Amino acid sequence: MATGSEAGKPAEVMLEWPKQDKKRMLHAVYRVGDLDRTIKCYTECFGMKLLRKRDVPEEKYTNAFLGFGPEDTNFALELTYSMFIGPLAIVSNAAGLISLLMFGQRVYLPH
């Protein structure tokens, strides 16, 4: 809904801002109960690439970043496995949802 000074601007002007705006989502974080199995699913089923993986033993967690291209130009998923949570992560993060467009079809992945 247009408000204030936006209401009087032509549609062409309003559609230019996304082309000039440099803000973007960087990544979304999902806790997972089985990191290796989740990485395998996203890489083999959806063609995502494992961009990097980081183990932080002193804080008892590991995370992995997956995406369709480099993080500096593409959105990424950060999958986090915490040794404190383990398999319970699936229950505690049940409200998450990932939506991908593959082969012209929208695919929803509940997490």
Protein backbone atom coordinates (compact mmCIF):
# COMPACT_ATOMS: atom_id res chain seq x y z
CA MET A 1 0.00 0.00 0.00
CA ALA A 2 1.42 3.36 -0.99
CA THR A 3 1.64 5.97 1.73
CA GLY A 4 2.52 9.65 1.89
CA SER A 5 4.70 10.84 -0.99
CA GLU A 6 4.85 7.35 -2.54
CA ALA A 7 1.18 7.57 -3.57
CA GLY A 8 1.88 10.28 -6.14
CA LYS A 9 4.87 8.60 -7.81
CA PRO A 10 4.46 6.89 -11.20
CA ALA A 11 4.65 3.07 -11.17
CA GLU A 12 7.85 3.15 -13.27
CA VAL A 13 9.63 5.13 -10.57
CA MET A 14 8.42 2.79 -7.82
CA LEU A 15 9.69 -0.26 -9.73
CA GLU A 16 13.21 1.18 -10.05
CA TRP A 17 14.13 0.96 -6.36
CA PRO A 18 14.75 -2.83 -6.33
CA LYS A 19 17.27 -2.42 -9.15
CA GLN A 20 19.21 0.19 -7.18
CA ASP A 21 18.76 -1.23 -3.66
CA LYS A 22 21.80 -3.20 -2.50
CA LYS A 23 20.16 -4.72 0.60
CA ARG A 24 19.44 -8.45 0.54
CA MET A 25 18.90 -11.39 2.83
CA LEU A 26 22.21 -13.10 3.56
CA HIS A 27 21.17 -16.39 5.11
CA ALA A 28 18.58 -18.17 7.25
CA VAL A 29 19.53 -20.33 10.22
CA TYR A 30 17.95 -23.72 10.86
CA ARG A 31 18.79 -26.07 13.70
CA VAL A 32 19.00 -29.67 12.55
CA GLY A 33 19.17 -32.99 14.37
CA ASP A 34 21.44 -34.74 11.86
CA LEU A 35 23.78 -32.35 10.06
CA ASP A 36 25.36 -34.85 7.64
CA ARG A 37 22.00 -36.27 6.58
CA THR A 38 20.58 -32.78 6.04
CA ILE A 39 23.61 -31.69 3.99
CA LYS A 40 23.23 -34.84 1.87
CA CYS A 41 19.54 -34.08 1.25
CA TYR A 42 20.12 -30.49 0.11
CA THR A 43 23.15 -31.28 -2.04
CA GLU A 44 21.86 -34.47 -3.70
CA CYS A 45 18.14 -33.71 -3.98
CA PHE A 46 18.23 -29.98 -4.67
CA GLY A 47 21.66 -29.38 -6.18
CA MET A 48 22.83 -26.97 -3.49
CA LYS A 49 26.55 -26.79 -2.78
CA LEU A 50 28.24 -27.05 0.60
CA LEU A 51 29.87 -23.62 0.74
CA ARG A 52 31.63 -24.04 4.08
CA LYS A 53 31.45 -26.02 7.28
CA ARG A 54 32.68 -24.92 10.70
CA ASP A 55 33.12 -27.03 13.81
CA VAL A 56 33.25 -25.16 17.13
CA PRO A 57 34.02 -27.90 19.69
CA GLU A 58 34.53 -25.55 22.64
CA GLU A 59 30.91 -24.37 22.24
CA LYS A 60 29.67 -27.82 21.14
CA TYR A 61 28.14 -26.90 17.81
CA THR A 62 28.82 -27.28 14.09
CA ASN A 63 27.32 -25.28 11.29
CA ALA A 64 27.30 -25.62 7.54
CA PHE A 65 26.41 -23.07 4.87
CA LEU A 66 24.72 -24.28 1.70
CA GLY A 67 23.63 -22.36 -1.37
CA PHE A 68 23.30 -22.30 -5.14
CA GLY A 69 26.26 -19.96 -5.54
CA PRO A 70 28.83 -17.91 -3.62
CA GLU A 71 27.56 -16.24 -0.44
CA ASP A 72 28.66 -12.79 -1.59
CA THR A 73 26.00 -12.86 -4.35
CA ASN A 74 23.52 -15.57 -3.28
CA PHE A 75 21.28 -16.39 -0.36
CA ALA A 76 22.50 -19.26 1.84
CA LEU A 77 21.12 -21.67 4.41
CA GLU A 78 23.01 -22.00 7.66
CA LEU A 79 22.37 -25.43 9.16
CA THR A 80 23.36 -25.67 12.82
CA TYR A 81 23.80 -28.84 14.85
CA SER A 82 24.22 -28.35 18.59
CA MET A 83 25.46 -31.22 20.71
CA PHE A 84 23.27 -29.83 23.51
CA ILE A 85 20.12 -30.21 21.42
CA GLY A 86 20.93 -33.13 19.09
CA PRO A 87 17.89 -34.82 17.51
CA LEU A 88 15.48 -32.65 19.52
CA ALA A 89 16.31 -29.76 17.16
CA ILE A 90 13.66 -31.02 14.75
CA VAL A 91 10.95 -30.65 17.41
CA SER A 92 12.18 -27.30 18.70
CA ASN A 93 12.40 -25.75 15.23
CA ALA A 94 9.24 -27.27 13.74
CA ALA A 95 7.84 -23.92 12.59
CA GLY A 96 10.58 -23.38 10.00
CA LEU A 97 9.85 -23.75 6.30
CA ILE A 98 12.07 -23.49 3.25
CA SER A 99 10.56 -22.83 -0.15
CA LEU A 100 12.54 -23.53 -3.33
CA LEU A 101 11.61 -23.15 -6.98
CA MET A 102 12.89 -26.14 -8.89
CA PHE A 103 12.02 -27.14 -12.45
CA GLY A 104 9.23 -24.61 -12.48
CA GLN A 105 7.63 -26.15 -9.38
CA ARG A 106 7.62 -24.69 -5.89
CA VAL A 107 9.00 -27.16 -3.34
CA TYR A 108 8.39 -26.73 0.39
CA LEU A 109 10.73 -28.29 2.92
CA PRO A 110 9.39 -28.25 6.47
CA HIS A 111 12.11 -28.11 9.12
